[in-house]
Protein backbone atom coordinates (compact mmCIF):
# COMPACT_ATOMS: atom_id res chain seq x y z
CA MET A 1 -3.13 -67.61 -49.95
CA SER A 2 -3.03 -71.41 -49.81
CA PRO A 3 -6.30 -73.37 -49.48
CA ARG A 4 -5.30 -74.45 -45.95
CA ALA A 5 -4.61 -70.87 -44.90
CA ALA A 6 -7.86 -69.67 -46.48
CA ALA A 7 -9.84 -72.37 -44.65
CA ALA A 8 -8.16 -71.52 -41.35
CA PHE A 9 -8.83 -67.83 -41.90
CA ILE A 10 -12.55 -68.35 -42.61
CA ALA A 11 -13.03 -70.79 -39.73
CA CYS A 12 -11.28 -68.47 -37.28
CA THR A 13 -13.44 -65.55 -38.44
CA LEU A 14 -16.68 -67.47 -37.86
CA ILE A 15 -15.55 -68.79 -34.48
CA TRP A 16 -14.28 -65.49 -33.10
CA GLY A 17 -17.16 -63.52 -34.53
CA SER A 18 -19.56 -65.63 -32.45
CA THR A 19 -17.53 -65.77 -29.21
CA PHE A 20 -18.45 -62.19 -28.25
CA LEU A 21 -22.11 -63.22 -28.11
CA VAL A 22 -21.40 -66.38 -26.11
CA ILE A 23 -19.26 -64.43 -23.61
CA ARG A 24 -22.10 -61.92 -23.14
CA ILE A 25 -24.59 -64.74 -22.53
CA GLY A 26 -22.26 -66.52 -20.12
CA ASN A 27 -21.73 -63.33 -18.09
CA ASN A 28 -25.38 -63.58 -17.02
CA THR A 29 -24.76 -66.79 -15.06
CA VAL A 30 -21.07 -66.91 -13.99
CA PRO A 31 -18.77 -64.09 -12.75
CA PRO A 32 -16.98 -62.96 -15.92
CA VAL A 33 -13.28 -63.41 -15.15
CA TRP A 34 -13.96 -66.64 -13.22
CA ALA A 35 -15.73 -67.92 -16.35
CA ALA A 36 -12.63 -67.04 -18.39
CA THR A 37 -10.50 -68.95 -15.87
CA LEU A 38 -12.65 -72.08 -16.14
CA ARG A 39 -12.65 -71.82 -19.93
CA LEU A 40 -8.85 -71.72 -20.05
CA ILE A 41 -8.42 -74.55 -17.55
CA LEU A 42 -10.67 -76.77 -19.67
CA ALA A 43 -8.91 -75.73 -22.89
CA ALA A 44 -5.46 -76.34 -21.35
CA GLY A 45 -6.53 -79.84 -20.32
CA ILE A 46 -7.89 -80.67 -23.79
CA LEU A 47 -4.83 -79.30 -25.59
CA SER A 48 -2.44 -81.07 -23.20
CA GLY A 49 -4.29 -84.33 -23.85
CA ILE A 50 -3.99 -83.83 -27.61
CA THR A 51 -0.29 -83.04 -27.23
CA LEU A 52 0.38 -86.24 -25.28
CA ALA A 53 -1.86 -88.40 -27.50
CA THR A 54 -0.08 -87.24 -30.67
CA GLY A 55 3.41 -87.62 -29.22
CA GLN A 56 4.28 -83.95 -29.51
CA ALA A 57 6.71 -82.32 -27.10
CA PHE A 58 5.83 -79.40 -24.88
CA PRO A 59 7.93 -76.28 -25.59
CA ARG A 60 11.17 -75.68 -23.75
CA GLY A 61 13.68 -72.85 -23.46
CA ALA A 62 12.99 -69.91 -25.75
CA ALA A 63 9.88 -71.59 -27.18
CA LEU A 64 8.47 -72.03 -23.66
CA ARG A 65 9.08 -68.36 -22.84
CA SER A 66 7.39 -67.32 -26.08
CA ALA A 67 4.33 -69.51 -25.43
CA ALA A 68 4.11 -68.34 -21.80
CA LEU A 69 4.26 -64.65 -22.77
CA TYR A 70 1.67 -65.26 -25.47
CA GLY A 71 -0.56 -66.89 -22.88
CA ALA A 72 -0.06 -64.14 -20.29
CA PHE A 73 -1.02 -61.35 -22.71
CA GLN A 74 -3.37 -62.77 -25.34
CA LEU A 75 -5.08 -65.43 -23.24
CA GLY A 76 -4.71 -63.88 -19.81
CA LEU A 77 -4.89 -60.10 -19.72
CA ASN A 78 -6.87 -59.98 -22.95
CA PHE A 79 -9.56 -62.31 -21.57
CA VAL A 80 -9.74 -60.41 -18.28
CA LEU A 81 -10.45 -57.20 -20.18
CA VAL A 82 -12.81 -58.73 -22.77
CA TYR A 83 -14.94 -60.64 -20.26
CA TRP A 84 -15.09 -57.76 -17.80
CA GLY A 85 -15.66 -55.21 -20.58
CA GLU A 86 -18.67 -57.10 -21.91
CA THR A 87 -20.48 -56.61 -18.61
CA SER A 88 -21.08 -53.01 -19.73
CA ALA A 89 -20.30 -52.90 -23.48
CA PRO A 90 -22.60 -54.71 -25.96
CA SER A 91 -21.07 -57.76 -27.65
CA SER A 92 -21.59 -56.15 -31.06
CA LEU A 93 -19.46 -53.11 -30.17
CA ALA A 94 -16.78 -55.30 -28.62
CA SER A 95 -16.54 -57.17 -31.93
CA VAL A 96 -16.19 -53.88 -33.85
CA LEU A 97 -13.27 -52.84 -31.64
CA PHE A 98 -11.73 -56.21 -32.45
CA ALA A 99 -11.40 -54.96 -36.05
CA THR A 100 -8.73 -52.46 -35.02
CA LEU A 101 -6.26 -55.25 -34.20
CA PRO A 102 -4.39 -55.27 -37.56
CA LEU A 103 -3.64 -51.55 -37.26
CA SER A 104 -2.74 -51.83 -33.58
CA THR A 105 -0.40 -54.70 -34.41
CA ALA A 106 1.21 -52.68 -37.19
CA LEU A 107 1.74 -49.70 -34.87
CA LEU A 108 3.17 -51.81 -32.06
CA GLY A 109 5.26 -53.79 -34.55
CA ARG A 110 6.82 -50.54 -35.73
CA LEU A 111 7.57 -49.46 -32.16
CA ALA A 112 9.22 -52.84 -31.55
CA GLY A 113 11.30 -52.48 -34.72
CA ILE A 114 9.64 -55.46 -36.40
CA GLU A 115 7.70 -53.79 -39.21
CA ARG A 116 7.72 -50.59 -41.24
CA LEU A 117 4.76 -48.22 -41.05
CA ASP A 118 3.53 -45.91 -43.82
CA ARG A 119 1.39 -42.77 -43.66
CA ARG A 120 -1.75 -44.52 -44.87
CA ARG A 121 -1.67 -46.90 -41.92
CA LEU A 122 -1.22 -43.99 -39.53
CA LEU A 123 -4.16 -42.16 -41.13
CA GLY A 124 -6.30 -45.29 -40.98
CA ALA A 125 -5.45 -45.79 -37.31
CA SER A 126 -6.36 -42.16 -36.56
CA ILE A 127 -9.72 -42.51 -38.32
CA ALA A 128 -10.49 -45.75 -36.47
CA LEU A 129 -9.61 -44.08 -33.18
CA GLY A 130 -12.05 -41.27 -34.00
CA GLY A 131 -14.78 -43.86 -34.55
CA ILE A 132 -14.03 -45.48 -31.18
CA VAL A 133 -14.29 -42.10 -29.45
CA LEU A 134 -17.68 -41.50 -31.10
CA ILE A 135 -18.99 -44.94 -30.12
CA PHE A 136 -18.08 -44.55 -26.46
CA PHE A 137 -18.52 -40.80 -26.10
CA GLY A 138 -19.98 -40.14 -22.66
CA ARG A 139 -19.29 -43.66 -21.39
CA LEU A 140 -15.53 -43.97 -21.34
CA GLY A 141 -15.58 -46.71 -18.72
CA ALA A 142 -17.50 -49.05 -21.02
CA GLY A 143 -15.02 -48.63 -23.85
CA ALA A 144 -11.73 -48.63 -21.93
CA ALA A 145 -11.58 -52.38 -21.26
CA PRO A 146 -12.30 -53.56 -24.87
CA VAL A 147 -9.78 -51.05 -26.28
CA LEU A 148 -7.08 -52.16 -23.82
CA ALA A 149 -7.93 -55.77 -24.69
CA THR A 150 -7.01 -55.18 -28.33
CA ILE A 151 -3.64 -53.73 -27.28
CA VAL A 152 -2.61 -56.62 -25.04
CA ALA A 153 -3.81 -59.10 -27.69
CA CYS A 154 -1.49 -57.41 -30.21
CA ILE A 155 1.42 -57.63 -27.79
CA GLY A 156 0.74 -61.33 -27.27
CA SER A 157 0.74 -62.16 -30.98
CA LEU A 158 3.91 -60.12 -31.61
CA LEU A 159 5.72 -61.85 -28.75
CA PHE A 160 4.70 -65.25 -30.13
CA ARG A 161 5.77 -64.22 -33.62
CA ARG A 162 9.21 -63.13 -32.39
CA GLY A 163 9.81 -66.47 -30.67
CA PRO A 164 11.05 -69.64 -32.36
CA ARG A 165 8.66 -71.47 -34.65
CA GLN A 166 6.91 -74.27 -32.77
CA PRO A 167 3.91 -76.66 -32.97
CA VAL A 168 0.76 -74.70 -32.20
CA VAL A 169 -1.11 -77.27 -30.06
CA PRO A 170 1.56 -77.60 -27.33
CA ALA A 171 2.18 -73.84 -27.47
CA ASN A 172 -1.51 -73.16 -26.87
CA ALA A 173 -1.63 -75.75 -24.08
CA VAL A 174 1.07 -73.76 -22.28
CA GLY A 175 -0.57 -70.45 -23.22
CA CYS A 176 -3.97 -71.52 -21.86
CA ALA A 177 -2.40 -72.73 -18.61
CA VAL A 178 -0.55 -69.45 -18.09
CA GLY A 179 -3.63 -67.46 -19.13
CA ALA A 180 -5.74 -69.38 -16.61
CA VAL A 181 -3.35 -68.38 -13.82
CA VAL A 182 -3.53 -64.72 -14.87
CA CYS A 183 -7.34 -64.82 -15.01
CA PHE A 184 -7.59 -66.57 -11.65
CA LEU A 185 -5.38 -63.96 -9.99
CA ALA A 186 -7.45 -61.16 -11.54
CA SER A 187 -10.69 -62.86 -10.50
CA THR A 188 -9.39 -63.19 -6.94
CA LEU A 189 -8.41 -59.52 -6.82
CA MET A 190 -11.88 -58.63 -8.09
CA ARG A 191 -13.38 -60.73 -5.25
CA GLU A 192 -15.48 -62.83 -7.59
CA ARG A 193 -17.29 -65.89 -6.27
CA HIS A 194 -15.37 -69.06 -7.22
CA ALA A 195 -18.10 -71.68 -7.48
CA LEU A 196 -18.25 -74.39 -10.13
CA PRO A 197 -21.21 -73.95 -12.51
CA THR A 198 -24.00 -76.47 -11.97
CA THR A 199 -26.67 -75.46 -14.51
CA TRP A 200 -26.65 -75.97 -18.27
CA ALA A 201 -27.05 -72.21 -18.77
CA ALA A 202 -23.74 -71.70 -16.96
CA ILE A 203 -21.86 -74.77 -18.25
CA VAL A 204 -22.64 -74.58 -21.97
CA PRO A 205 -21.04 -71.14 -22.68
CA ILE A 206 -17.83 -72.16 -20.90
CA VAL A 207 -17.58 -75.48 -22.77
CA VAL A 208 -18.40 -73.88 -26.14
CA LEU A 209 -15.83 -71.13 -25.64
CA ALA A 210 -13.17 -73.59 -24.47
CA VAL A 211 -13.65 -76.06 -27.32
CA ALA A 212 -14.53 -73.74 -30.20
CA GLY A 213 -12.87 -70.50 -29.13
CA SER A 214 -9.68 -71.64 -27.38
CA VAL A 215 -8.98 -75.11 -28.78
CA GLY A 216 -10.30 -74.28 -32.25
CA GLY A 217 -9.95 -70.55 -32.80
CA PHE A 218 -6.65 -69.87 -31.05
CA VAL A 219 -4.95 -72.96 -32.49
CA LEU A 220 -6.01 -71.86 -35.97
CA PHE A 221 -4.86 -68.30 -35.29
CA THR A 222 -1.44 -69.23 -33.92
CA TRP A 223 -0.96 -71.48 -36.93
CA LEU A 224 -1.71 -68.50 -39.17
CA VAL A 225 0.83 -66.43 -37.21
CA THR A 226 3.48 -69.06 -38.02
CA GLN A 227 2.57 -68.78 -41.73
CA TRP A 228 2.08 -65.01 -42.06
CA ASP A 229 3.28 -61.84 -40.36
CA ALA A 230 1.26 -60.90 -37.26
CA THR A 231 -0.43 -57.91 -38.93
CA ARG A 232 -1.72 -60.03 -41.81
CA ALA A 233 -2.93 -62.77 -39.46
CA TRP A 234 -5.02 -60.22 -37.58
CA PHE A 235 -6.97 -59.48 -40.80
CA VAL A 236 -9.37 -62.08 -39.39
CA SER A 237 -10.60 -59.40 -37.01
CA VAL A 238 -11.85 -57.20 -39.86
CA ALA A 239 -14.42 -59.79 -40.94
CA ALA A 240 -15.37 -60.97 -37.44
CA PRO A 241 -17.48 -57.84 -36.58
CA ILE A 242 -19.93 -58.73 -39.36
CA VAL A 243 -20.65 -61.99 -37.52
CA GLY A 244 -20.59 -60.33 -34.09
CA VAL A 245 -22.93 -57.45 -34.91
CA THR A 246 -25.38 -59.73 -36.75
CA LEU A 247 -25.57 -62.25 -33.91
CA GLY A 248 -25.82 -59.51 -31.29
CA TYR A 249 -28.85 -58.08 -33.08
CA LEU A 250 -30.57 -61.39 -33.92
CA VAL A 251 -30.06 -63.16 -30.56
CA LEU A 252 -29.91 -60.38 -27.98
CA GLY A 253 -31.67 -57.61 -29.87
CA GLU A 254 -28.69 -55.27 -29.32
CA GLN A 255 -29.29 -51.84 -30.85
CA LEU A 256 -26.17 -49.86 -31.70
CA GLY A 257 -27.98 -46.55 -32.01
CA ALA A 258 -27.00 -43.72 -34.35
CA ALA A 259 -23.65 -42.98 -32.68
CA GLY A 260 -22.79 -46.68 -32.53
CA LEU A 261 -23.66 -47.29 -36.18
CA ILE A 262 -21.81 -44.21 -37.45
CA GLY A 263 -18.84 -44.87 -35.17
CA SER A 264 -18.67 -48.51 -36.23
CA GLY A 265 -18.67 -47.43 -39.87
CA ILE A 266 -15.85 -44.97 -39.20
CA VAL A 267 -13.82 -47.66 -37.40
CA LEU A 268 -14.19 -50.12 -40.27
CA ALA A 269 -13.41 -47.39 -42.84
CA GLY A 270 -10.22 -46.52 -40.98
CA VAL A 271 -9.22 -50.16 -40.83
CA ALA A 272 -9.97 -50.64 -44.54
CA LEU A 273 -7.85 -47.61 -45.41
CA GLY A 274 -4.96 -48.76 -43.26
CA LEU A 275 -5.01 -52.25 -44.77
CA ARG A 276 -5.14 -51.19 -48.42
CA THR A 277 -1.37 -51.14 -48.60
CA ARG A 278 0.79 -54.23 -48.66
CA ALA A 279 1.87 -55.67 -45.35
CA PRO A 280 4.90 -53.67 -44.12
CA ARG A 281 8.31 -55.17 -44.79
CA PRO A 282 10.46 -56.08 -41.80
CA VAL A 283 12.73 -53.24 -40.71
CA GLY A 284 16.14 -53.57 -42.33
CA SER A 285 14.91 -55.66 -45.26
């Protein structure tokens, strides 16, 4: 791992580990999916400005399709599910579910014919799934949205990985714009109130998530995806729950309870088992 990749990995872990808490706080003042829409609009504007100021070109052709699909899944559908899911699921549990992303990516990568999959990864995925069932036993509705969010996020990163290599800032500018459209449509269908935030309590979470989470975190992550395979890039999600659970307890006083603690441990054990092997080789290699 190069020093640049290591720094990007650590920074992305700290940023994404804290975003679950900020989303939860923001949901108290602004309708959740509308907040995601505003976050992505702001991030798209900032990234577009950086693209123009640095003389970079916006993607075209196959690169544009790849960035748009990435935005629709990872920044659109994923945000709809994460923001809405955190209205009922604690931020700490949402961050734990985030840890299943490397295994989900490996499974979906195998289905798409991109990566090989060994028995240990399958066993690890099964164990992690058992932990998720334990965490959300008796409240399926609370766990459905965060679990689905991890799946669509995996699809987004795989679609971006399969596309042509491209500069990450313009790609994320396009992705945020497309994601904002997806979130706005979902917010409209959910009949959320579309009012601009006017208080600091409502404005600050949106600005922090746009600047740190979208401009910072997602640019760093998509850069990692261009350097590594998608499964390895998602290793960031294994460390993020440590930040998420700690902040959820310290700031919001979130208590996981016995089932939550045991289930979270099972999830992380399954992920650790599945990631002990080397990253799968591309099919046909």
